[in-house]
PDB file of N, CA and C in Angstrom:
ATOM      1  N   MET A   1      -7.682  17.721  -9.926  1.00  0.00           N
ATOM      2  CA  MET A   1      -7.619  17.459  -8.509  1.00  0.00           C
ATOM      3  C   MET A   1      -6.854  18.543  -7.759  1.00  0.00           C
ATOM      4  N   ALA A   2      -6.187  19.366  -8.516  1.00  0.00           N
ATOM      5  CA  ALA A   2      -5.463  20.475  -7.898  1.00  0.00           C
ATOM      6  C   ALA A   2      -5.388  21.618  -8.899  1.00  0.00           C
ATOM      7  N   GLU A   3      -5.219  22.801  -8.365  1.00  0.00           N
ATOM      8  CA  GLU A   3      -5.036  23.959  -9.247  1.00  0.00           C
ATOM      9  C   GLU A   3      -3.962  24.856  -8.663  1.00  0.00           C
ATOM     10  N   GLN A   4      -3.278  25.507  -9.547  1.00  0.00           N
ATOM     11  CA  GLN A   4      -2.218  26.405  -9.111  1.00  0.00           C
ATOM     12  C   GLN A   4      -2.776  27.810  -8.983  1.00  0.00           C
ATOM     13  N   ARG A   5      -2.510  28.421  -7.839  1.00  0.00           N
ATOM     14  CA  ARG A   5      -2.911  29.811  -7.583  1.00  0.00           C
ATOM     15  C   ARG A   5      -1.651  30.587  -7.223  1.00  0.00           C
ATOM     16  N   GLY A   6      -1.088  31.206  -8.233  1.00  0.00           N
ATOM     17  CA  GLY A   6       0.170  31.916  -8.021  1.00  0.00           C
ATOM     18  C   GLY A   6       1.276  30.927  -7.691  1.00  0.00           C
ATOM     19  N   GLN A   7       1.881  31.091  -6.527  1.00  0.00           N
ATOM     20  CA  GLN A   7       2.958  30.205  -6.093  1.00  0.00           C
ATOM     21  C   GLN A   7       2.434  28.984  -5.328  1.00  0.00           C
ATOM     22  N   ARG A   8       1.134  28.914  -5.120  1.00  0.00           N
ATOM     23  CA  ARG A   8       0.539  27.853  -4.307  1.00  0.00           C
ATOM     24  C   ARG A   8      -0.209  26.834  -5.174  1.00  0.00           C
ATOM     25  N   ILE A   9      -0.256  25.618  -4.693  1.00  0.00           N
ATOM     26  CA  ILE A   9      -1.069  24.569  -5.306  1.00  0.00           C
ATOM     27  C   ILE A   9      -2.160  24.220  -4.306  1.00  0.00           C
ATOM     28  N   VAL A  10      -3.401  24.287  -4.752  1.00  0.00           N
ATOM     29  CA  VAL A  10      -4.548  24.020  -3.884  1.00  0.00           C
ATOM     30  C   VAL A  10      -5.205  22.726  -4.347  1.00  0.00           C
ATOM     31  N   PHE A  11      -5.314  21.777  -3.423  1.00  0.00           N
ATOM     32  CA  PHE A  11      -5.913  20.478  -3.725  1.00  0.00           C
ATOM     33  C   PHE A  11      -7.411  20.499  -3.442  1.00  0.00           C
ATOM     34  N   VAL A  12      -8.156  19.692  -4.179  1.00  0.00           N
ATOM     35  CA  VAL A  12      -9.605  19.610  -3.969  1.00  0.00           C
ATOM     36  C   VAL A  12      -9.897  18.962  -2.615  1.00  0.00           C
ATOM     37  N   ARG A  13     -11.100  19.205  -2.115  1.00  0.00           N
ATOM     38  CA  ARG A  13     -11.505  18.605  -0.848  1.00  0.00           C
ATOM     39  C   ARG A  13     -11.568  17.092  -0.968  1.00  0.00           C
ATOM     40  N   ASN A  14     -11.286  16.433   0.134  1.00  0.00           N
ATOM     41  CA  ASN A  14     -11.371  14.971   0.226  1.00  0.00           C
ATOM     42  C   ASN A  14     -10.498  14.263  -0.809  1.00  0.00           C
ATOM     43  N   LEU A  15      -9.381  14.859  -1.153  1.00  0.00           N
ATOM     44  CA  LEU A  15      -8.503  14.272  -2.157  1.00  0.00           C
ATOM     45  C   LEU A  15      -8.035  12.887  -1.734  1.00  0.00           C
ATOM     46  N   LEU A  16      -7.608  12.736  -0.489  1.00  0.00           N
ATOM     47  CA  LEU A  16      -7.123  11.434  -0.038  1.00  0.00           C
ATOM     48  C   LEU A  16      -8.223  10.378  -0.066  1.00  0.00           C
ATOM     49  N   ALA A  17      -9.426  10.746   0.346  1.00  0.00           N
ATOM     50  CA  ALA A  17     -10.544   9.797   0.314  1.00  0.00           C
ATOM     51  C   ALA A  17     -10.867   9.399  -1.122  1.00  0.00           C
ATOM     52  N   THR A  18     -10.809  10.357  -2.033  1.00  0.00           N
ATOM     53  CA  THR A  18     -11.067  10.077  -3.443  1.00  0.00           C
ATOM     54  C   THR A  18     -10.025   9.121  -4.003  1.00  0.00           C
ATOM     55  N   LEU A  19      -8.762   9.399  -3.727  1.00  0.00           N
ATOM     56  CA  LEU A  19      -7.686   8.535  -4.223  1.00  0.00           C
ATOM     57  C   LEU A  19      -7.765   7.146  -3.595  1.00  0.00           C
ATOM     58  N   ARG A  20      -8.065   7.076  -2.309  1.00  0.00           N
ATOM     59  CA  ARG A  20      -8.210   5.789  -1.618  1.00  0.00           C
ATOM     60  C   ARG A  20      -9.352   4.986  -2.247  1.00  0.00           C
ATOM     61  N   GLY A  21     -10.462   5.644  -2.498  1.00  0.00           N
ATOM     62  CA  GLY A  21     -11.605   4.976  -3.108  1.00  0.00           C
ATOM     63  C   GLY A  21     -11.302   4.449  -4.496  1.00  0.00           C
ATOM     64  N   ARG A  22     -10.605   5.238  -5.286  1.00  0.00           N
ATOM     65  CA  ARG A  22     -10.226   4.800  -6.642  1.00  0.00           C
ATOM     66  C   ARG A  22      -9.286   3.597  -6.588  1.00  0.00           C
ATOM     67  N   GLU A  23      -8.303   3.674  -5.700  1.00  0.00           N
ATOM     68  CA  GLU A  23      -7.338   2.576  -5.575  1.00  0.00           C
ATOM     69  C   GLU A  23      -8.037   1.297  -5.140  1.00  0.00           C
ATOM     70  N   LEU A  24      -8.906   1.402  -4.158  1.00  0.00           N
ATOM     71  CA  LEU A  24      -9.615   0.238  -3.647  1.00  0.00           C
ATOM     72  C   LEU A  24     -10.556  -0.340  -4.705  1.00  0.00           C
ATOM     73  N   ALA A  25     -11.245   0.526  -5.441  1.00  0.00           N
ATOM     74  CA  ALA A  25     -12.151   0.062  -6.497  1.00  0.00           C
ATOM     75  C   ALA A  25     -11.387  -0.689  -7.584  1.00  0.00           C
ATOM     76  N   GLN A  26     -10.224  -0.179  -7.962  1.00  0.00           N
ATOM     77  CA  GLN A  26      -9.425  -0.840  -8.998  1.00  0.00           C
ATOM     78  C   GLN A  26      -8.895  -2.177  -8.497  1.00  0.00           C
ATOM     79  N   ALA A  27      -8.418  -2.216  -7.261  1.00  0.00           N
ATOM     80  CA  ALA A  27      -7.921  -3.477  -6.690  1.00  0.00           C
ATOM     81  C   ALA A  27      -9.046  -4.499  -6.597  1.00  0.00           C
ATOM     82  N   ALA A  28     -10.233  -4.067  -6.182  1.00  0.00           N
ATOM     83  CA  ALA A  28     -11.383  -4.973  -6.080  1.00  0.00           C
ATOM     84  C   ALA A  28     -11.756  -5.528  -7.450  1.00  0.00           C
ATOM     85  N   LYS A  29     -11.716  -4.668  -8.450  1.00  0.00           N
ATOM     86  CA  LYS A  29     -12.026  -5.100  -9.818  1.00  0.00           C
ATOM     87  C   LYS A  29     -11.006  -6.132 -10.300  1.00  0.00           C
ATOM     88  N   ASP A  30      -9.730  -5.861 -10.065  1.00  0.00           N
ATOM     89  CA  ASP A  30      -8.670  -6.782 -10.483  1.00  0.00           C
ATOM     90  C   ASP A  30      -8.804  -8.135  -9.786  1.00  0.00           C
ATOM     91  N   ILE A  31      -9.081  -8.112  -8.486  1.00  0.00           N
ATOM     92  CA  ILE A  31      -9.218  -9.359  -7.726  1.00  0.00           C
ATOM     93  C   ILE A  31     -10.455 -10.133  -8.176  1.00  0.00           C
ATOM     94  N   ALA A  32     -11.552  -9.426  -8.465  1.00  0.00           N
ATOM     95  CA  ALA A  32     -12.769 -10.091  -8.946  1.00  0.00           C
ATOM     96  C   ALA A  32     -12.513 -10.803 -10.272  1.00  0.00           C
ATOM     97  N   VAL A  33     -11.779 -10.149 -11.174  1.00  0.00           N
ATOM     98  CA  VAL A  33     -11.447 -10.770 -12.461  1.00  0.00           C
ATOM     99  C   VAL A  33     -10.542 -11.982 -12.236  1.00  0.00           C
ATOM    100  N   GLU A  34      -9.568 -11.837 -11.361  1.00  0.00           N
ATOM    101  CA  GLU A  34      -8.597 -12.900 -11.095  1.00  0.00           C
ATOM    102  C   GLU A  34      -9.221 -14.117 -10.428  1.00  0.00           C
ATOM    103  N   THR A  35     -10.133 -13.893  -9.482  1.00  0.00           N
ATOM    104  CA  THR A  35     -10.685 -14.993  -8.683  1.00  0.00           C
ATOM    105  C   THR A  35     -12.063 -15.457  -9.124  1.00  0.00           C
ATOM    106  N   GLY A  36     -12.783 -14.612  -9.850  1.00  0.00           N
ATOM    107  CA  GLY A  36     -14.152 -14.944 -10.211  1.00  0.00           C
ATOM    108  C   GLY A  36     -15.141 -14.677  -9.091  1.00  0.00           C
ATOM    109  N   LEU A  37     -14.667 -14.097  -7.981  1.00  0.00           N
ATOM    110  CA  LEU A  37     -15.533 -13.770  -6.857  1.00  0.00           C
ATOM    111  C   LEU A  37     -16.093 -12.365  -7.021  1.00  0.00           C
ATOM    112  N   GLU A  38     -17.302 -12.168  -6.536  1.00  0.00           N
ATOM    113  CA  GLU A  38     -17.940 -10.859  -6.613  1.00  0.00           C
ATOM    114  C   GLU A  38     -17.443  -9.972  -5.476  1.00  0.00           C
ATOM    115  N   HIS A  39     -17.155  -8.713  -5.780  1.00  0.00           N
ATOM    116  CA  HIS A  39     -16.771  -7.758  -4.746  1.00  0.00           C
ATOM    117  C   HIS A  39     -18.021  -7.237  -4.070  1.00  0.00           C
ATOM    118  N   ARG A  40     -18.058  -7.335  -2.757  1.00  0.00           N
ATOM    119  CA  ARG A  40     -19.184  -6.814  -1.991  1.00  0.00           C
ATOM    120  C   ARG A  40     -18.639  -5.828  -0.970  1.00  0.00           C
ATOM    121  N   PRO A  41     -18.758  -4.538  -1.252  1.00  0.00           N
ATOM    122  CA  PRO A  41     -18.214  -3.532  -0.338  1.00  0.00           C
ATOM    123  C   PRO A  41     -18.903  -3.575   1.019  1.00  0.00           C
ATOM    124  N   VAL A  42     -18.172  -3.178   2.039  1.00  0.00           N
ATOM    125  CA  VAL A  42     -18.686  -3.146   3.410  1.00  0.00           C
ATOM    126  C   VAL A  42     -18.512  -1.732   3.942  1.00  0.00           C
ATOM    127  N   ALA A  43     -19.536  -1.230   4.598  1.00  0.00           N
ATOM    128  CA  ALA A  43     -19.460   0.104   5.188  1.00  0.00           C
ATOM    129  C   ALA A  43     -18.510   0.093   6.385  1.00  0.00           C
ATOM    130  N   ASP A  44     -17.870   1.208   6.630  1.00  0.00           N
ATOM    131  CA  ASP A  44     -16.975   1.333   7.781  1.00  0.00           C
ATOM    132  C   ASP A  44     -17.716   0.974   9.055  1.00  0.00           C
ATOM    133  N   GLY A  45     -17.062   0.181   9.887  1.00  0.00           N
ATOM    134  CA  GLY A  45     -17.633  -0.180  11.172  1.00  0.00           C
ATOM    135  C   GLY A  45     -18.551  -1.386  11.145  1.00  0.00           C
ATOM    136  N   ARG A  46     -18.873  -1.899   9.958  1.00  0.00           N
ATOM    137  CA  ARG A  46     -19.745  -3.067   9.854  1.00  0.00           C
ATOM    138  C   ARG A  46     -18.950  -4.343  10.057  1.00  0.00           C
ATOM    139  N   GLY A  47     -19.570  -5.340  10.637  1.00  0.00           N
ATOM    140  CA  GLY A  47     -18.922  -6.636  10.822  1.00  0.00           C
ATOM    141  C   GLY A  47     -18.918  -7.425   9.522  1.00  0.00           C
ATOM    142  N   VAL A  48     -17.944  -8.288   9.382  1.00  0.00           N
ATOM    143  CA  VAL A  48     -17.851  -9.156   8.212  1.00  0.00           C
ATOM    144  C   VAL A  48     -17.556 -10.579   8.671  1.00  0.00           C
ATOM    145  N   ALA A  49     -17.876 -11.528   7.829  1.00  0.00           N
ATOM    146  CA  ALA A  49     -17.588 -12.927   8.117  1.00  0.00           C
ATOM    147  C   ALA A  49     -17.265 -13.617   6.809  1.00  0.00           C
ATOM    148  N   GLY A  50     -16.388 -14.584   6.867  1.00  0.00           N
ATOM    149  CA  GLY A  50     -16.018 -15.329   5.676  1.00  0.00           C
ATOM    150  C   GLY A  50     -14.727 -16.072   5.912  1.00  0.00           C
ATOM    151  N   ILE A  51     -14.276 -16.741   4.894  1.00  0.00           N
ATOM    152  CA  ILE A  51     -13.032 -17.511   4.958  1.00  0.00           C
ATOM    153  C   ILE A  51     -11.904 -16.642   4.417  1.00  0.00           C
ATOM    154  N   TYR A  52     -10.869 -16.472   5.231  1.00  0.00           N
ATOM    155  CA  TYR A  52      -9.711 -15.658   4.844  1.00  0.00           C
ATOM    156  C   TYR A  52      -9.035 -16.291   3.643  1.00  0.00           C
ATOM    157  N   ARG A  53      -8.808 -15.495   2.610  1.00  0.00           N
ATOM    158  CA  ARG A  53      -8.116 -15.982   1.415  1.00  0.00           C
ATOM    159  C   ARG A  53      -6.715 -15.388   1.278  1.00  0.00           C
ATOM    160  N   ARG A  54      -6.588 -14.093   1.515  1.00  0.00           N
ATOM    161  CA  ARG A  54      -5.269 -13.457   1.422  1.00  0.00           C
ATOM    162  C   ARG A  54      -5.367 -12.006   1.872  1.00  0.00           C
ATOM    163  N   SER A  55      -4.203 -11.419   2.095  1.00  0.00           N
ATOM    164  CA  SER A  55      -4.181  -9.988   2.410  1.00  0.00           C
ATOM    165  C   SER A  55      -3.699  -9.231   1.173  1.00  0.00           C
ATOM    166  N   VAL A  56      -4.090  -7.982   1.098  1.00  0.00           N
ATOM    167  CA  VAL A  56      -3.718  -7.120  -0.023  1.00  0.00           C
ATOM    168  C   VAL A  56      -3.182  -5.822   0.565  1.00  0.00           C
ATOM    169  N   MET A  57      -1.960  -5.476   0.198  1.00  0.00           N
ATOM    170  CA  MET A  57      -1.360  -4.246   0.683  1.00  0.00           C
ATOM    171  C   MET A  57      -1.434  -3.206  -0.420  1.00  0.00           C
ATOM    172  N   LEU A  58      -2.145  -2.116  -0.133  1.00  0.00           N
ATOM    173  CA  LEU A  58      -2.272  -1.005  -1.068  1.00  0.00           C
ATOM    174  C   LEU A  58      -1.632   0.220  -0.442  1.00  0.00           C
ATOM    175  N   ALA A  59      -1.466   1.260  -1.214  1.00  0.00           N
ATOM    176  CA  ALA A  59      -0.894   2.498  -0.682  1.00  0.00           C
ATOM    177  C   ALA A  59      -1.767   3.059   0.437  1.00  0.00           C
ATOM    178  N   SER A  60      -3.074   2.818   0.355  1.00  0.00           N
ATOM    179  CA  SER A  60      -4.005   3.358   1.354  1.00  0.00           C
ATOM    180  C   SER A  60      -4.153   2.478   2.588  1.00  0.00           C
ATOM    181  N   GLY A  61      -3.549   1.316   2.594  1.00  0.00           N
ATOM    182  CA  GLY A  61      -3.629   0.459   3.773  1.00  0.00           C
ATOM    183  C   GLY A  61      -3.661  -1.014   3.425  1.00  0.00           C
ATOM    184  N   ARG A  62      -3.841  -1.804   4.451  1.00  0.00           N
ATOM    185  CA  ARG A  62      -3.858  -3.254   4.311  1.00  0.00           C
ATOM    186  C   ARG A  62      -5.309  -3.736   4.353  1.00  0.00           C
ATOM    187  N   TYR A  63      -5.639  -4.634   3.439  1.00  0.00           N
ATOM    188  CA  TYR A  63      -6.986  -5.171   3.324  1.00  0.00           C
ATOM    189  C   TYR A  63      -6.901  -6.691   3.248  1.00  0.00           C
ATOM    190  N   VAL A  64      -8.023  -7.361   3.477  1.00  0.00           N
ATOM    191  CA  VAL A  64      -8.060  -8.813   3.330  1.00  0.00           C
ATOM    192  C   VAL A  64      -9.141  -9.190   2.336  1.00  0.00           C
ATOM    193  N   VAL A  65      -8.934 -10.347   1.716  1.00  0.00           N
ATOM    194  CA  VAL A  65      -9.926 -10.915   0.813  1.00  0.00           C
ATOM    195  C   VAL A  65     -10.612 -12.035   1.583  1.00  0.00           C
ATOM    196  N   LEU A  66     -11.923 -11.907   1.762  1.00  0.00           N
ATOM    197  CA  LEU A  66     -12.726 -12.921   2.428  1.00  0.00           C
ATOM    198  C   LEU A  66     -13.648 -13.564   1.412  1.00  0.00           C
ATOM    199  N   ASP A  67     -13.799 -14.879   1.511  1.00  0.00           N
ATOM    200  CA  ASP A  67     -14.705 -15.616   0.641  1.00  0.00           C
ATOM    201  C   ASP A  67     -15.889 -16.065   1.484  1.00  0.00           C
ATOM    202  N   ALA A  68     -17.036 -15.444   1.258  1.00  0.00           N
ATOM    203  CA  ALA A  68     -18.242 -15.799   2.016  1.00  0.00           C
ATOM    204  C   ALA A  68     -19.053 -16.867   1.299  1.00  0.00           C
ATOM    205  N   SER A  69     -18.669 -17.252   0.083  1.00  0.00           N
ATOM    206  CA  SER A  69     -19.458 -18.214  -0.690  1.00  0.00           C
ATOM    207  C   SER A  69     -19.428 -19.612  -0.086  1.00  0.00           C
ATOM    208  N   GLN A  70     -18.375 -19.945   0.666  1.00  0.00           N
ATOM    209  CA  GLN A  70     -18.276 -21.271   1.263  1.00  0.00           C
ATOM    210  C   GLN A  70     -18.454 -21.222   2.766  1.00  0.00           C
ATOM    211  N   CYS A  71     -18.985 -20.141   3.237  1.00  0.00           N
ATOM    212  CA  CYS A  71     -19.191 -19.935   4.658  1.00  0.00           C
ATOM    213  C   CYS A  71     -20.432 -20.707   5.113  1.00  0.00           C
ATOM    214  N   ARG A  72     -20.407 -21.238   6.321  1.00  0.00           N
ATOM    215  CA  ARG A  72     -21.572 -21.942   6.878  1.00  0.00           C
ATOM    216  C   ARG A  72     -22.741 -20.982   7.044  1.00  0.00           C
ATOM    217  N   PRO A  73     -23.969 -21.474   7.092  1.00  0.00           N
ATOM    218  CA  PRO A  73     -25.150 -20.593   7.211  1.00  0.00           C
ATOM    219  C   PRO A  73     -25.080 -19.638   8.392  1.00  0.00           C
ATOM    220  N   GLU A  74     -24.607 -20.089   9.549  1.00  0.00           N
ATOM    221  CA  GLU A  74     -24.526 -19.197  10.701  1.00  0.00           C
ATOM    222  C   GLU A  74     -23.498 -18.080  10.487  1.00  0.00           C
ATOM    223  N   CYS A  75     -22.511 -18.366   9.684  1.00  0.00           N
ATOM    224  CA  CYS A  75     -21.498 -17.359   9.336  1.00  0.00           C
ATOM    225  C   CYS A  75     -22.130 -16.292   8.452  1.00  0.00           C
ATOM    226  N   ARG A  76     -22.942 -16.693   7.492  1.00  0.00           N
ATOM    227  CA  ARG A  76     -23.581 -15.751   6.574  1.00  0.00           C
ATOM    228  C   ARG A  76     -24.557 -14.823   7.299  1.00  0.00           C
ATOM    229  N   SER A  77     -25.216 -15.331   8.329  1.00  0.00           N
ATOM    230  CA  SER A  77     -26.186 -14.494   9.019  1.00  0.00           C
ATOM    231  C   SER A  77     -25.516 -13.349   9.772  1.00  0.00           C
ATOM    232  N   ALA A  78     -24.215 -13.451  10.017  1.00  0.00           N
ATOM    233  CA  ALA A  78     -23.472 -12.405  10.705  1.00  0.00           C
ATOM    234  C   ALA A  78     -23.171 -11.227   9.796  1.00  0.00           C
ATOM    235  N   MET A  79     -23.353 -11.401   8.477  1.00  0.00           N
ATOM    236  CA  MET A  79     -22.994 -10.344   7.526  1.00  0.00           C
ATOM    237  C   MET A  79     -24.103  -9.346   7.361  1.00  0.00           C
TER     238      MET A  79
END
């Protein structure tokens, strides 16, 4: 992810996005194992609907766990 060039260290492009993605993927995997719920990623800017279960604080930011499995039909159509 980085290489040393003389006295300088040069990081690869999109390093923060890569690390954020890895952290989020691992947290999602851990939560899926813990809860038995399937992780369904959402694209940036997309709306979501579901029942709030908990918040998760990671180094890359704060996230919430939503459970859409018990959501009413009109709630599901919003996803």
